[in-house]
C-alpha atoms as a PDB file:
ATOM      1  CA  UNK A   1      92.650  88.318  85.661  1.00  0.00           C
ATOM      2  CA  UNK A   2      95.012  89.363  88.255  1.00  0.00           C
ATOM      3  CA  UNK A   3      94.945  92.649  90.002  1.00  0.00           C
ATOM      4  CA  UNK A   4      97.760  95.111  89.910  1.00  0.00           C
ATOM      5  CA  UNK A   5      97.791  97.338  92.737  1.00  0.00           C
ATOM      6  CA  UNK A   6     100.344 100.005  93.853  1.00  0.00           C
ATOM      7  CA  UNK A   7     101.154  99.286  97.597  1.00  0.00           C
ATOM      8  CA  UNK A   8     101.747 102.217  99.698  1.00  0.00           C
ATOM      9  CA  UNK A   9     101.013 100.818 103.137  1.00  0.00           C
ATOM     10  CA  UNK A  10     103.320  99.905 106.051  1.00  0.00           C
ATOM     11  CA  UNK A  11     102.020  96.392 106.549  1.00  0.00           C
ATOM     12  CA  UNK A  12     103.086  94.321 103.529  1.00  0.00           C
ATOM     13  CA  UNK A  13     103.012  91.172 105.814  1.00  0.00           C
ATOM     14  CA  UNK A  14      99.102  91.532 106.045  1.00  0.00           C
ATOM     15  CA  UNK A  15      98.863  92.091 102.395  1.00  0.00           C
ATOM     16  CA  UNK A  16     100.780  88.743 101.736  1.00  0.00           C
ATOM     17  CA  UNK A  17      99.192  86.701 104.432  1.00  0.00           C
ATOM     18  CA  UNK A  18      96.636  84.871 102.162  1.00  0.00           C
ATOM     19  CA  UNK A  19      96.376  83.809  98.560  1.00  0.00           C
ATOM     20  CA  UNK A  20      98.890  84.078  95.937  1.00  0.00           C
ATOM     21  CA  UNK A  21     100.891  87.345  95.879  1.00  0.00           C
ATOM     22  CA  UNK A  22     103.642  88.623  93.482  1.00  0.00           C
ATOM     23  CA  UNK A  23     105.250  91.597  94.929  1.00  0.00           C
ATOM     24  CA  UNK A  24     107.320  93.848  92.310  1.00  0.00           C
ATOM     25  CA  UNK A  25     110.003  96.168  93.904  1.00  0.00           C
ATOM     26  CA  UNK A  26     110.657  98.709  91.435  1.00  0.00           C
ATOM     27  CA  UNK A  27     111.545 102.587  90.819  1.00  0.00           C
ATOM     28  CA  UNK A  28     110.354 105.086  88.259  1.00  0.00           C
ATOM     29  CA  UNK A  29     113.973 105.783  87.233  1.00  0.00           C
ATOM     30  CA  UNK A  30     114.629 102.182  86.571  1.00  0.00           C
ATOM     31  CA  UNK A  31     114.628 101.184  82.846  1.00  0.00           C
ATOM     32  CA  UNK A  32     114.396  97.303  83.393  1.00  0.00           C
ATOM     33  CA  UNK A  33     111.483  97.917  85.881  1.00  0.00           C
ATOM     34  CA  UNK A  34     109.436  99.795  83.197  1.00  0.00           C
ATOM     35  CA  UNK A  35     110.138  96.724  80.768  1.00  0.00           C
ATOM     36  CA  UNK A  36     108.932  94.371  83.572  1.00  0.00           C
ATOM     37  CA  UNK A  37     105.771  96.463  84.551  1.00  0.00           C
ATOM     38  CA  UNK A  38     104.779  96.497  80.904  1.00  0.00           C
ATOM     39  CA  UNK A  39     105.061  92.580  80.789  1.00  0.00           C
ATOM     40  CA  UNK A  40     103.171  92.100  84.207  1.00  0.00           C
ATOM     41  CA  UNK A  41     100.384  94.272  82.615  1.00  0.00           C
ATOM     42  CA  UNK A  42     100.031  92.636  79.202  1.00  0.00           C
ATOM     43  CA  UNK A  43     101.207  89.167  79.690  1.00  0.00           C
ATOM     44  CA  UNK A  44     101.233  88.020  83.187  1.00  0.00           C
ATOM     45  CA  UNK A  45      98.122  89.780  84.779  1.00  0.00           C
ATOM     46  CA  UNK A  46      95.461  88.588  82.110  1.00  0.00           C
ATOM     47  CA  UNK A  47      96.663  85.112  82.183  1.00  0.00           C
ATOM     48  CA  UNK A  48      97.341  84.704  85.879  1.00  0.00           C
ATOM     49  CA  UNK A  49      93.861  84.155  87.253  1.00  0.00           C
ATOM     50  CA  UNK A  50      91.562  86.050  89.536  1.00  0.00           C
ATOM     51  CA  UNK A  51      93.217  84.462  92.745  1.00  0.00           C
ATOM     52  CA  UNK A  52      96.380  86.237  92.261  1.00  0.00           C
ATOM     53  CA  UNK A  53      97.320  89.633  93.316  1.00  0.00           C
ATOM     54  CA  UNK A  54     100.311  91.712  92.106  1.00  0.00           C
ATOM     55  CA  UNK A  55     101.554  94.333  94.182  1.00  0.00           C
ATOM     56  CA  UNK A  56     103.984  97.098  92.925  1.00  0.00           C
ATOM     57  CA  UNK A  57     106.154  98.370  95.645  1.00  0.00           C
ATOM     58  CA  UNK A  58     107.858 101.662  94.674  1.00  0.00           C
ATOM     59  CA  UNK A  59     111.250 101.514  96.773  1.00  0.00           C
ATOM     60  CA  UNK A  60     111.809 105.255  96.687  1.00  0.00           C
ATOM     61  CA  UNK A  61     108.382 105.725  98.510  1.00  0.00           C
ATOM     62  CA  UNK A  62     109.040 102.463 100.523  1.00  0.00           C
ATOM     63  CA  UNK A  63     112.587 102.125 101.640  1.00  0.00           C
ATOM     64  CA  UNK A  64     111.849 100.439 104.852  1.00  0.00           C
ATOM     65  CA  UNK A  65     109.729  97.615 103.148  1.00  0.00           C
ATOM     66  CA  UNK A  66     112.559  97.183 100.650  1.00  0.00           C
ATOM     67  CA  UNK A  67     115.031  96.788 103.604  1.00  0.00           C
ATOM     68  CA  UNK A  68     112.676  94.513 105.470  1.00  0.00           C
ATOM     69  CA  UNK A  69     112.650  92.277 102.488  1.00  0.00           C
ATOM     70  CA  UNK A  70     116.180  92.304 101.549  1.00  0.00           C
ATOM     71  CA  UNK A  71     116.104  94.002  98.429  1.00  0.00           C
ATOM     72  CA  UNK A  72     119.423  95.117  97.269  1.00  0.00           C
ATOM     73  CA  UNK A  73     118.701  95.553  93.418  1.00  0.00           C
ATOM     74  CA  UNK A  74     115.796  96.082  91.391  1.00  0.00           C
ATOM     75  CA  UNK A  75     113.562  94.859  89.817  1.00  0.00           C
ATOM     76  CA  UNK A  76     113.130  92.263  92.247  1.00  0.00           C
ATOM     77  CA  UNK A  77     109.894  90.006  92.511  1.00  0.00           C
ATOM     78  CA  UNK A  78     109.040  87.875  95.474  1.00  0.00           C
ATOM     79  CA  UNK A  79     106.038  85.411  95.115  1.00  0.00           C
ATOM     80  CA  UNK A  80     104.261  84.437  98.189  1.00  0.00           C
ATOM     81  CA  UNK A  81     101.551  81.929  98.845  1.00  0.00           C
ATOM     82  CA  UNK A  82      99.627  82.101 101.937  1.00  0.00           C
ATOM     83  CA  UNK A  83     102.343  84.260 103.604  1.00  0.00           C
ATOM     84  CA  UNK A  84     105.336  81.943 102.847  1.00  0.00           C
ATOM     85  CA  UNK A  85     107.987  83.043 100.114  1.00  0.00           C
ATOM     86  CA  UNK A  86     107.901  80.569  97.443  1.00  0.00           C
ATOM     87  CA  UNK A  87     110.073  82.058  94.690  1.00  0.00           C
ATOM     88  CA  UNK A  88     112.314  85.148  94.242  1.00  0.00           C
ATOM     89  CA  UNK A  89     113.523  86.845  90.741  1.00  0.00           C
ATOM     90  CA  UNK A  90     116.170  89.432  90.253  1.00  0.00           C
ATOM     91  CA  UNK A  91     115.908  91.393  87.039  1.00  0.00           C
ATOM     92  CA  UNK A  92     113.297  90.663  84.269  1.00  0.00           C
ATOM     93  CA  UNK A  93     112.505  86.582  84.279  1.00  0.00           C
ATOM     94  CA  UNK A  94     110.447  85.078  81.254  1.00  0.00           C
ATOM     95  CA  UNK A  95     106.760  85.268  81.852  1.00  0.00           C
ATOM     96  CA  UNK A  96     106.760  81.264  81.816  1.00  0.00           C
ATOM     97  CA  UNK A  97     108.923  81.532  84.773  1.00  0.00           C
ATOM     98  CA  UNK A  98     106.633  83.821  86.517  1.00  0.00           C
ATOM     99  CA  UNK A  99     103.580  81.463  85.624  1.00  0.00           C
ATOM    100  CA  UNK A 100     105.330  78.405  86.936  1.00  0.00           C
ATOM    101  CA  UNK A 101     106.004  80.306  90.385  1.00  0.00           C
ATOM    102  CA  UNK A 102     102.288  81.468  90.679  1.00  0.00           C
ATOM    103  CA  UNK A 103     100.791  78.054  89.818  1.00  0.00           C
END
């Protein structure tokens, strides 16, 4: 099962440097973000595997990180493998699309 962590640090680059990491840029006032969060918890994390990390970045609390990664609208998901971005999703993707990107 993948771990889901609220990321409140400055060095996201270090957090995505190794392994497979799904970064969820969201905000508490965003309705689609809440739906996506539920999907990540109930469908994606349990099936993604122990080697996958899911980092949730609240853009209200981490505006600099959102700007650094070019986030213009939310929800936005970025998938990294060993520090290299391999996929990006805007809005709420289907779980199968996420599984394909995480595989």
